[in-house]
C-alpha atoms as a PDB file:
ATOM      1  CA  MET A   1       5.781 -17.919  -5.435  1.00  0.00           C
ATOM      2  CA  LYS A   2       8.678 -18.179  -3.026  1.00  0.00           C
ATOM      3  CA  LEU A   3       9.621 -15.206  -0.869  1.00  0.00           C
ATOM      4  CA  LYS A   4      13.117 -14.815  -2.372  1.00  0.00           C
ATOM      5  CA  GLN A   5      11.684 -14.900  -5.907  1.00  0.00           C
ATOM      6  CA  LEU A   6       9.177 -12.179  -4.987  1.00  0.00           C
ATOM      7  CA  GLU A   7      11.903 -10.037  -3.419  1.00  0.00           C
ATOM      8  CA  GLY A   8      14.098 -10.481  -6.501  1.00  0.00           C
ATOM      9  CA  LEU A   9      11.351  -9.342  -8.874  1.00  0.00           C
ATOM     10  CA  LEU A  10      10.549  -6.316  -6.721  1.00  0.00           C
ATOM     11  CA  GLY A  11      14.245  -5.449  -6.583  1.00  0.00           C
ATOM     12  CA  SER A  12      14.250  -4.927 -10.348  1.00  0.00           C
ATOM     13  CA  LEU A  13      11.602  -2.177 -10.249  1.00  0.00           C
ATOM     14  CA  GLN A  14      12.368   1.379 -11.258  1.00  0.00           C
ATOM     15  CA  GLN A  15      12.243   3.788  -8.296  1.00  0.00           C
ATOM     16  CA  PHE A  16      12.020   7.576  -7.915  1.00  0.00           C
ATOM     17  CA  GLU A  17      14.876   9.514  -9.505  1.00  0.00           C
ATOM     18  CA  ASN A  18      13.784  12.778  -7.886  1.00  0.00           C
ATOM     19  CA  PRO A  19      11.424  12.071  -4.980  1.00  0.00           C
ATOM     20  CA  LYS A  20       9.166  14.956  -4.022  1.00  0.00           C
ATOM     21  CA  ILE A  21       9.982  15.848  -0.434  1.00  0.00           C
ATOM     22  CA  GLU A  22       6.684  17.681   0.056  1.00  0.00           C
ATOM     23  CA  LEU A  23       4.827  14.418  -0.735  1.00  0.00           C
ATOM     24  CA  GLU A  24       7.163  12.408   1.512  1.00  0.00           C
ATOM     25  CA  GLN A  25       8.042  10.144  -1.390  1.00  0.00           C
ATOM     26  CA  TYR A  26      10.519   7.421  -0.616  1.00  0.00           C
ATOM     27  CA  PRO A  27      10.854   3.967  -2.140  1.00  0.00           C
ATOM     28  CA  THR A  28       9.378   0.927  -0.447  1.00  0.00           C
ATOM     29  CA  GLY A  29      12.308  -1.491  -0.491  1.00  0.00           C
ATOM     30  CA  PRO A  30      11.912  -4.974  -1.948  1.00  0.00           C
ATOM     31  CA  HIS A  31      12.823  -6.633   1.362  1.00  0.00           C
ATOM     32  CA  ILE A  32      10.013  -5.102   3.406  1.00  0.00           C
ATOM     33  CA  ALA A  33       7.511  -5.090   0.515  1.00  0.00           C
ATOM     34  CA  SER A  34       8.007  -8.775  -0.225  1.00  0.00           C
ATOM     35  CA  ARG A  35       7.681  -9.742   3.432  1.00  0.00           C
ATOM     36  CA  LEU A  36       4.603  -7.595   4.002  1.00  0.00           C
ATOM     37  CA  LEU A  37       2.699  -9.031   1.047  1.00  0.00           C
ATOM     38  CA  TYR A  38       4.001 -12.561   1.525  1.00  0.00           C
ATOM     39  CA  THR A  39       2.755 -12.494   5.136  1.00  0.00           C
ATOM     40  CA  ALA A  40      -0.583 -10.959   4.099  1.00  0.00           C
ATOM     41  CA  GLU A  41      -1.106 -13.839   1.677  1.00  0.00           C
ATOM     42  CA  ASN A  42       0.484 -16.830   3.355  1.00  0.00           C
ATOM     43  CA  SER A  43      -0.545 -16.117   6.953  1.00  0.00           C
ATOM     44  CA  PHE A  44      -3.907 -14.422   6.401  1.00  0.00           C
ATOM     45  CA  GLY A  45      -5.094 -15.157   2.834  1.00  0.00           C
ATOM     46  CA  ASP A  46      -5.627 -11.447   2.106  1.00  0.00           C
ATOM     47  CA  VAL A  47      -4.103 -11.197  -1.390  1.00  0.00           C
ATOM     48  CA  SER A  48      -4.783 -14.081  -3.784  1.00  0.00           C
ATOM     49  CA  ASP A  49      -8.128 -13.738  -5.599  1.00  0.00           C
ATOM     50  CA  LYS A  50      -8.796 -10.420  -3.819  1.00  0.00           C
ATOM     51  CA  VAL A  51      -9.285  -6.834  -4.972  1.00  0.00           C
ATOM     52  CA  VAL A  52      -6.252  -5.027  -3.559  1.00  0.00           C
ATOM     53  CA  ALA A  53      -5.713  -1.268  -3.390  1.00  0.00           C
ATOM     54  CA  ASP A  54      -2.270   0.301  -2.993  1.00  0.00           C
ATOM     55  CA  PHE A  55      -2.798   3.737  -1.391  1.00  0.00           C
ATOM     56  CA  GLY A  56      -0.068   6.247  -2.195  1.00  0.00           C
ATOM     57  CA  CYS A  57       1.296   3.645  -4.591  1.00  0.00           C
ATOM     58  CA  GLY A  58       4.367   5.613  -5.627  1.00  0.00           C
ATOM     59  CA  CYS A  59       6.357   3.356  -7.943  1.00  0.00           C
ATOM     60  CA  GLY A  60       3.873   0.522  -7.415  1.00  0.00           C
ATOM     61  CA  THR A  61       5.990  -1.850  -5.331  1.00  0.00           C
ATOM     62  CA  LEU A  62       3.297  -3.018  -2.893  1.00  0.00           C
ATOM     63  CA  GLY A  63       0.550  -3.273  -5.486  1.00  0.00           C
ATOM     64  CA  LEU A  64       2.774  -5.127  -7.916  1.00  0.00           C
ATOM     65  CA  ALA A  65       3.759  -7.545  -5.157  1.00  0.00           C
ATOM     66  CA  ALA A  66       0.043  -8.217  -4.668  1.00  0.00           C
ATOM     67  CA  GLY A  67      -0.318  -8.858  -8.392  1.00  0.00           C
ATOM     68  CA  LEU A  68       2.603 -11.260  -8.370  1.00  0.00           C
ATOM     69  CA  LEU A  69       0.953 -13.124  -5.491  1.00  0.00           C
ATOM     70  CA  GLY A  70      -2.272 -13.655  -7.416  1.00  0.00           C
ATOM     71  CA  ALA A  71      -4.532 -10.705  -6.557  1.00  0.00           C
ATOM     72  CA  GLU A  72      -7.642 -10.720  -8.730  1.00  0.00           C
ATOM     73  CA  HIS A  73      -7.421  -6.969  -9.383  1.00  0.00           C
ATOM     74  CA  VAL A  74      -4.968  -4.328  -8.165  1.00  0.00           C
ATOM     75  CA  ILE A  75      -5.589  -0.581  -8.158  1.00  0.00           C
ATOM     76  CA  GLY A  76      -2.889   1.942  -7.328  1.00  0.00           C
ATOM     77  CA  PHE A  77      -3.897   5.358  -6.029  1.00  0.00           C
ATOM     78  CA  ASP A  78      -1.490   8.292  -5.983  1.00  0.00           C
ATOM     79  CA  ILE A  79      -1.704  12.076  -6.131  1.00  0.00           C
ATOM     80  CA  ASP A  80       1.435  12.334  -8.284  1.00  0.00           C
ATOM     81  CA  ALA A  81       1.219  11.747 -12.046  1.00  0.00           C
ATOM     82  CA  GLU A  82       4.964  11.036 -12.329  1.00  0.00           C
ATOM     83  CA  SER A  83       4.706   8.280  -9.716  1.00  0.00           C
ATOM     84  CA  ILE A  84       1.852   6.690 -11.625  1.00  0.00           C
ATOM     85  CA  GLU A  85       3.937   6.779 -14.819  1.00  0.00           C
ATOM     86  CA  ILE A  86       6.777   4.904 -13.074  1.00  0.00           C
ATOM     87  CA  ALA A  87       4.363   2.403 -11.506  1.00  0.00           C
ATOM     88  CA  SER A  88       2.674   1.794 -14.858  1.00  0.00           C
ATOM     89  CA  SER A  89       6.052   1.204 -16.501  1.00  0.00           C
ATOM     90  CA  ASN A  90       6.947  -1.229 -13.703  1.00  0.00           C
ATOM     91  CA  ALA A  91       3.674  -3.097 -14.251  1.00  0.00           C
ATOM     92  CA  ASP A  92       4.460  -3.357 -17.963  1.00  0.00           C
ATOM     93  CA  GLU A  93       7.944  -4.691 -17.196  1.00  0.00           C
ATOM     94  CA  LEU A  94       6.463  -7.417 -14.994  1.00  0.00           C
ATOM     95  CA  GLU A  95       3.666  -8.054 -17.529  1.00  0.00           C
ATOM     96  CA  LEU A  96       1.051  -7.428 -14.844  1.00  0.00           C
ATOM     97  CA  HIS A  97      -2.231  -5.589 -15.204  1.00  0.00           C
ATOM     98  CA  MET A  98      -2.688  -2.891 -12.579  1.00  0.00           C
ATOM     99  CA  ASP A  99      -5.093   0.036 -12.786  1.00  0.00           C
ATOM    100  CA  PHE A 100      -4.080   3.477 -11.577  1.00  0.00           C
ATOM    101  CA  ILE A 101      -6.126   6.405 -10.308  1.00  0.00           C
ATOM    102  CA  GLN A 102      -4.598   9.827  -9.774  1.00  0.00           C
ATOM    103  CA  CYS A 103      -6.291  11.421  -6.783  1.00  0.00           C
ATOM    104  CA  ASP A 104      -5.864  12.882  -3.335  1.00  0.00           C
ATOM    105  CA  ILE A 105      -6.669   9.951  -1.041  1.00  0.00           C
ATOM    106  CA  ARG A 106      -8.568  12.303   1.292  1.00  0.00           C
ATOM    107  CA  ASN A 107     -11.086  12.962  -1.501  1.00  0.00           C
ATOM    108  CA  LEU A 108     -11.506   9.362  -2.583  1.00  0.00           C
ATOM    109  CA  ARG A 109     -15.101   8.432  -3.344  1.00  0.00           C
ATOM    110  CA  LEU A 110     -15.528   4.669  -3.363  1.00  0.00           C
ATOM    111  CA  SER A 111     -18.504   2.768  -2.124  1.00  0.00           C
ATOM    112  CA  ASP A 112     -17.788   1.409   1.330  1.00  0.00           C
ATOM    113  CA  ARG A 113     -16.098  -1.974   1.324  1.00  0.00           C
ATOM    114  CA  ALA A 114     -15.431  -1.955  -2.434  1.00  0.00           C
ATOM    115  CA  ILE A 115     -11.868  -3.171  -1.807  1.00  0.00           C
ATOM    116  CA  ASP A 116     -10.943  -6.416  -0.061  1.00  0.00           C
ATOM    117  CA  THR A 117      -7.433  -5.434   1.077  1.00  0.00           C
ATOM    118  CA  VAL A 118      -5.574  -2.124   1.255  1.00  0.00           C
ATOM    119  CA  VAL A 119      -1.773  -2.067   1.344  1.00  0.00           C
ATOM    120  CA  MET A 120       0.139   1.147   1.847  1.00  0.00           C
ATOM    121  CA  ASN A 121       3.317   2.874   2.811  1.00  0.00           C
ATOM    122  CA  PRO A 122       1.727   6.237   3.573  1.00  0.00           C
ATOM    123  CA  PRO A 123       3.451   9.541   4.196  1.00  0.00           C
ATOM    124  CA  PHE A 124       4.528   9.484   7.822  1.00  0.00           C
ATOM    125  CA  GLY A 125       3.182  12.955   8.498  1.00  0.00           C
ATOM    126  CA  THR A 126       6.564  14.625   8.936  1.00  0.00           C
ATOM    127  CA  ARG A 127       5.790  17.285   6.283  1.00  0.00           C
ATOM    128  CA  LYS A 128       2.033  17.452   6.759  1.00  0.00           C
ATOM    129  CA  LYS A 129       0.895  16.492  10.227  1.00  0.00           C
ATOM    130  CA  GLY A 130      -1.788  13.810  10.160  1.00  0.00           C
ATOM    131  CA  ALA A 131      -1.166  12.647   6.595  1.00  0.00           C
ATOM    132  CA  ASP A 132      -0.603   9.082   7.803  1.00  0.00           C
ATOM    133  CA  MET A 133      -3.923   9.137   9.650  1.00  0.00           C
ATOM    134  CA  ASP A 134      -5.787  10.463   6.581  1.00  0.00           C
ATOM    135  CA  PHE A 135      -4.564   7.399   4.687  1.00  0.00           C
ATOM    136  CA  LEU A 136      -5.440   5.018   7.511  1.00  0.00           C
ATOM    137  CA  SER A 137      -8.912   6.476   7.975  1.00  0.00           C
ATOM    138  CA  MET A 138      -9.742   6.109   4.287  1.00  0.00           C
ATOM    139  CA  ALA A 139      -8.243   2.608   4.092  1.00  0.00           C
ATOM    140  CA  LEU A 140     -10.417   1.430   6.969  1.00  0.00           C
ATOM    141  CA  LYS A 141     -13.503   2.932   5.291  1.00  0.00           C
ATOM    142  CA  VAL A 142     -13.058   1.139   1.975  1.00  0.00           C
ATOM    143  CA  ALA A 143     -11.475  -2.201   2.941  1.00  0.00           C
ATOM    144  CA  SER A 144     -13.885  -5.058   3.559  1.00  0.00           C
ATOM    145  CA  GLY A 145     -11.107  -7.340   4.769  1.00  0.00           C
ATOM    146  CA  ALA A 146      -7.746  -6.035   5.893  1.00  0.00           C
ATOM    147  CA  VAL A 147      -5.438  -3.030   5.876  1.00  0.00           C
ATOM    148  CA  TYR A 148      -1.649  -3.486   5.881  1.00  0.00           C
ATOM    149  CA  SER A 149       0.220  -0.275   6.554  1.00  0.00           C
ATOM    150  CA  LEU A 150       3.824   0.677   7.262  1.00  0.00           C
ATOM    151  CA  HIS A 151       4.445   3.232  10.029  1.00  0.00           C
ATOM    152  CA  LYS A 152       7.251   4.693  12.101  1.00  0.00           C
ATOM    153  CA  THR A 153       7.971   2.812  15.314  1.00  0.00           C
ATOM    154  CA  THR A 154       7.396   5.962  17.366  1.00  0.00           C
ATOM    155  CA  THR A 155       3.780   6.313  16.159  1.00  0.00           C
ATOM    156  CA  ARG A 156       2.636   2.673  16.246  1.00  0.00           C
ATOM    157  CA  ASP A 157       0.906   2.771  19.652  1.00  0.00           C
ATOM    158  CA  TYR A 158      -0.954   5.950  18.725  1.00  0.00           C
ATOM    159  CA  ILE A 159      -1.969   4.472  15.370  1.00  0.00           C
ATOM    160  CA  LYS A 160      -3.240   1.267  16.952  1.00  0.00           C
ATOM    161  CA  ARG A 161      -5.271   3.190  19.562  1.00  0.00           C
ATOM    162  CA  THR A 162      -6.740   5.559  16.984  1.00  0.00           C
ATOM    163  CA  ALA A 163      -7.603   2.775  14.542  1.00  0.00           C
ATOM    164  CA  LEU A 164      -9.510   0.930  17.264  1.00  0.00           C
ATOM    165  CA  ARG A 165     -11.161   3.857  19.058  1.00  0.00           C
ATOM    166  CA  GLU A 166     -11.839   6.405  16.336  1.00  0.00           C
ATOM    167  CA  TYR A 167     -11.839   4.474  13.059  1.00  0.00           C
ATOM    168  CA  ASN A 168     -13.717   1.391  14.291  1.00  0.00           C
ATOM    169  CA  ALA A 169     -11.071  -1.134  13.263  1.00  0.00           C
ATOM    170  CA  SER A 170     -12.006  -4.598  14.539  1.00  0.00           C
ATOM    171  CA  SER A 171      -8.373  -5.272  15.480  1.00  0.00           C
ATOM    172  CA  ALA A 172      -4.932  -3.741  15.115  1.00  0.00           C
ATOM    173  CA  GLU A 173      -1.715  -5.725  15.303  1.00  0.00           C
ATOM    174  CA  VAL A 174       1.935  -5.017  14.711  1.00  0.00           C
ATOM    175  CA  LEU A 175       3.040  -7.829  12.406  1.00  0.00           C
ATOM    176  CA  CYS A 176       6.652  -6.815  12.009  1.00  0.00           C
ATOM    177  CA  GLU A 177       9.097  -4.348  13.537  1.00  0.00           C
END
């Protein structure tokens, strides 16, 4: 699938009508979502034929992009039932199968390395300090391959250091700014 085609399909997705501020809900735009997943697949081979998890999936944009790019299985995780309803509706619209699990990511119980690739646009931690790091820690525990995560520019150096030193990431790179 071409990048522009992917972006166009993601641009048709339903987004939050009333985002919950306390959950730091905000839509992942089709431009950044398409480029993130397109790069993950075409530069690193981390999507097609892989089990992909979308942590804090919201309306499902990142996970659905993975599905459109040929992921074997996509699972969206979110604490908010209304978000999962929107994401499920979006999956139906695109005629994609995507499973959804409503949970607090901090309490996720998956066997280590059950997921090949985790994609996420986590809360940035502006409402609940450390929320972004809770997501990153769990992603690095369950992903056998790669974690792709969106973060604020001001926290990137800290996130890279923490991923390497405290969460045992084998590498940490900024792919796009």
